């Protein structure tokens, strides 16, 4: 009679612990990558909103006349602004009709004389800042 013991298959306790440690390290790595991704996922939206705001303000300014049509400079409210120069040095205080969601965005506008190929122009710079993100657009309004 032969007394051979049947071959047992399965995992030992040490193999199971090693498996749990390896899987845990992998899960921690994946979760840390996801954490970084989620943390910065709003940045493109902030940039896009800042760009859209700067673009709309730039368009509003460049649609105004190059020089003051009524001869009165320094109009006090945005409704009365009739030329590009009226926006110089203005900020959020002028844009009272913006939605509340855009209130964290800081607006700064600068208008300076400039010459483009011998043509008198005004260089308009609109900067919109939100936290560390800053978008700056530059446009020109020529006297033609």
Foldseek 3Di string as FASTA:
>chain_A
DDDDDDDDDDDDPVVVVVVVVVVVVVVVVVVVVVVVCVVCVCVVVVQVVQVVVQVVVVVVLLVAAADDPVPDAQDPAPVPDRHNVNQAADWVVRVPPDDPVCVQKIKGKHWAWDADPNWTKIKIWIWIDHVPDIDIDIDIHTDD
